[in-house]
Amino acid sequence: MRGKRAAWTAGGALASEMETSTLFILGSMLRLRTGSICMVASSYDSATRLTPADAAALVDKVIIAALDALVLVEPAAEGGHTG
């Protein structure tokens, strides 16, 4: 796994997560728009970690960003454009 992490880092990845891959696969199969926002609360080795208060404040910002993005996407979806 460490070799893969080094390769992703060398490629410019700032974070990784596994949970939304299922959403993207199902969205593709069902021809539904899908999206994800990744909130990073700690470094991969946990050497750097947000405090609980900072993490809570970041959750609020992430929720607002997701809702703002949804508002921007919805008008395009009404026109039938999916790509």
C-alpha atoms as a PDB file:
ATOM      1  CA  MET A   1       0.000   0.000   0.000  1.00  0.00           C
ATOM      2  CA  ARG A   2       2.849   2.408   0.764  1.00  0.00           C
ATOM      3  CA  GLY A   3       4.153   2.101  -2.797  1.00  0.00           C
ATOM      4  CA  LYS A   4       0.733   2.951  -4.174  1.00  0.00           C
ATOM      5  CA  ARG A   5       0.444   5.941  -1.847  1.00  0.00           C
ATOM      6  CA  ALA A   6       3.844   7.198  -3.031  1.00  0.00           C
ATOM      7  CA  ALA A   7       2.752   6.860  -6.655  1.00  0.00           C
ATOM      8  CA  TRP A   8      -0.471   8.787  -6.055  1.00  0.00           C
ATOM      9  CA  THR A   9       1.430  11.499  -4.165  1.00  0.00           C
ATOM     10  CA  ALA A  10       3.963  11.768  -6.986  1.00  0.00           C
ATOM     11  CA  GLY A  11       1.014  12.178  -9.359  1.00  0.00           C
ATOM     12  CA  GLY A  12      -0.285  15.155  -7.372  1.00  0.00           C
ATOM     13  CA  ALA A  13      -2.977  13.520  -5.225  1.00  0.00           C
ATOM     14  CA  LEU A  14      -3.610  15.464  -2.033  1.00  0.00           C
ATOM     15  CA  ALA A  15      -6.008  12.966  -0.437  1.00  0.00           C
ATOM     16  CA  SER A  16      -7.673   9.630  -1.001  1.00  0.00           C
ATOM     17  CA  GLU A  17     -10.849   7.936   0.093  1.00  0.00           C
ATOM     18  CA  MET A  18     -12.707   4.731  -0.727  1.00  0.00           C
ATOM     19  CA  GLU A  19     -16.273   5.253   0.360  1.00  0.00           C
ATOM     20  CA  THR A  20     -17.761   6.972  -2.689  1.00  0.00           C
ATOM     21  CA  SER A  21     -16.510   4.545  -5.338  1.00  0.00           C
ATOM     22  CA  THR A  22     -19.725   2.544  -4.946  1.00  0.00           C
ATOM     23  CA  LEU A  23     -21.787   5.688  -5.550  1.00  0.00           C
ATOM     24  CA  PHE A  24     -19.918   6.437  -8.773  1.00  0.00           C
ATOM     25  CA  ILE A  25     -20.287   2.863 -10.038  1.00  0.00           C
ATOM     26  CA  LEU A  26     -24.017   2.767  -9.262  1.00  0.00           C
ATOM     27  CA  GLY A  27     -24.510   6.245 -10.700  1.00  0.00           C
ATOM     28  CA  SER A  28     -22.828   5.132 -13.901  1.00  0.00           C
ATOM     29  CA  MET A  29     -24.901   1.961 -14.106  1.00  0.00           C
ATOM     30  CA  LEU A  30     -28.156   3.816 -13.423  1.00  0.00           C
ATOM     31  CA  ARG A  31     -27.164   6.816 -15.544  1.00  0.00           C
ATOM     32  CA  LEU A  32     -27.512   9.158 -12.549  1.00  0.00           C
ATOM     33  CA  ARG A  33     -25.364  12.158 -11.737  1.00  0.00           C
ATOM     34  CA  THR A  34     -23.179  11.537  -8.735  1.00  0.00           C
ATOM     35  CA  GLY A  35     -20.755  13.665  -6.810  1.00  0.00           C
ATOM     36  CA  SER A  36     -18.566  13.588  -3.757  1.00  0.00           C
ATOM     37  CA  ILE A  37     -16.756  15.962  -1.462  1.00  0.00           C
ATOM     38  CA  CYS A  38     -13.831  14.603   0.517  1.00  0.00           C
ATOM     39  CA  MET A  39     -13.168  16.233   3.868  1.00  0.00           C
ATOM     40  CA  VAL A  40      -9.638  15.469   5.060  1.00  0.00           C
ATOM     41  CA  ALA A  41      -9.336  15.528   8.841  1.00  0.00           C
ATOM     42  CA  SER A  42      -5.923  13.904   9.284  1.00  0.00           C
ATOM     43  CA  SER A  43      -2.795  12.954   7.405  1.00  0.00           C
ATOM     44  CA  TYR A  44      -2.441   9.360   6.229  1.00  0.00           C
ATOM     45  CA  ASP A  45      -0.143   8.570   9.177  1.00  0.00           C
ATOM     46  CA  SER A  46      -2.258  10.627  11.635  1.00  0.00           C
ATOM     47  CA  ALA A  47       0.751  12.837  12.411  1.00  0.00           C
ATOM     48  CA  THR A  48      -1.402  15.857  11.601  1.00  0.00           C
ATOM     49  CA  ARG A  49      -4.994  15.860  12.773  1.00  0.00           C
ATOM     50  CA  LEU A  50      -7.720  18.503  13.061  1.00  0.00           C
ATOM     51  CA  THR A  51      -9.027  19.275  16.512  1.00  0.00           C
ATOM     52  CA  PRO A  52     -12.647  18.231  17.109  1.00  0.00           C
ATOM     53  CA  ALA A  53     -13.702  21.907  17.004  1.00  0.00           C
ATOM     54  CA  ASP A  54     -11.880  22.520  13.715  1.00  0.00           C
ATOM     55  CA  ALA A  55     -13.331  19.328  12.232  1.00  0.00           C
ATOM     56  CA  ALA A  56     -16.854  20.391  13.239  1.00  0.00           C
ATOM     57  CA  ALA A  57     -16.371  23.820  11.656  1.00  0.00           C
ATOM     58  CA  LEU A  58     -15.040  22.174   8.491  1.00  0.00           C
ATOM     59  CA  VAL A  59     -18.073  19.869   8.307  1.00  0.00           C
ATOM     60  CA  ASP A  60     -20.309  22.944   8.209  1.00  0.00           C
ATOM     61  CA  LYS A  61     -18.243  24.421   5.357  1.00  0.00           C
ATOM     62  CA  VAL A  62     -18.307  21.133   3.436  1.00  0.00           C
ATOM     63  CA  ILE A  63     -22.102  20.887   3.746  1.00  0.00           C
ATOM     64  CA  ILE A  64     -22.502  24.453   2.476  1.00  0.00           C
ATOM     65  CA  ALA A  65     -20.130  23.729  -0.443  1.00  0.00           C
ATOM     66  CA  ALA A  66     -22.129  20.609  -1.348  1.00  0.00           C
ATOM     67  CA  LEU A  67     -25.422  22.498  -1.283  1.00  0.00           C
ATOM     68  CA  ASP A  68     -23.956  25.351  -3.342  1.00  0.00           C
ATOM     69  CA  ALA A  69     -22.701  22.828  -5.917  1.00  0.00           C
ATOM     70  CA  LEU A  70     -26.109  21.154  -6.063  1.00  0.00           C
ATOM     71  CA  VAL A  71     -27.768  24.496  -6.789  1.00  0.00           C
ATOM     72  CA  LEU A  72     -25.341  25.011  -9.684  1.00  0.00           C
ATOM     73  CA  VAL A  73     -25.863  21.497 -11.086  1.00  0.00           C
ATOM     74  CA  GLU A  74     -29.659  21.383 -10.898  1.00  0.00           C
ATOM     75  CA  PRO A  75     -30.388  23.907 -13.693  1.00  0.00           C
ATOM     76  CA  ALA A  76     -28.156  21.914 -16.057  1.00  0.00           C
ATOM     77  CA  ALA A  77     -29.955  18.692 -15.103  1.00  0.00           C
ATOM     78  CA  GLU A  78     -33.351  20.219 -15.929  1.00  0.00           C
ATOM     79  CA  GLY A  79     -32.153  20.854 -19.471  1.00  0.00           C
ATOM     80  CA  GLY A  80     -31.344  17.175 -19.893  1.00  0.00           C
ATOM     81  CA  HIS A  81     -27.598  17.626 -20.220  1.00  0.00           C
ATOM     82  CA  THR A  82     -25.776  14.842 -18.367  1.00  0.00           C
ATOM     83  CA  GLY A  83     -22.165  15.347 -19.371  1.00  0.00           C
END
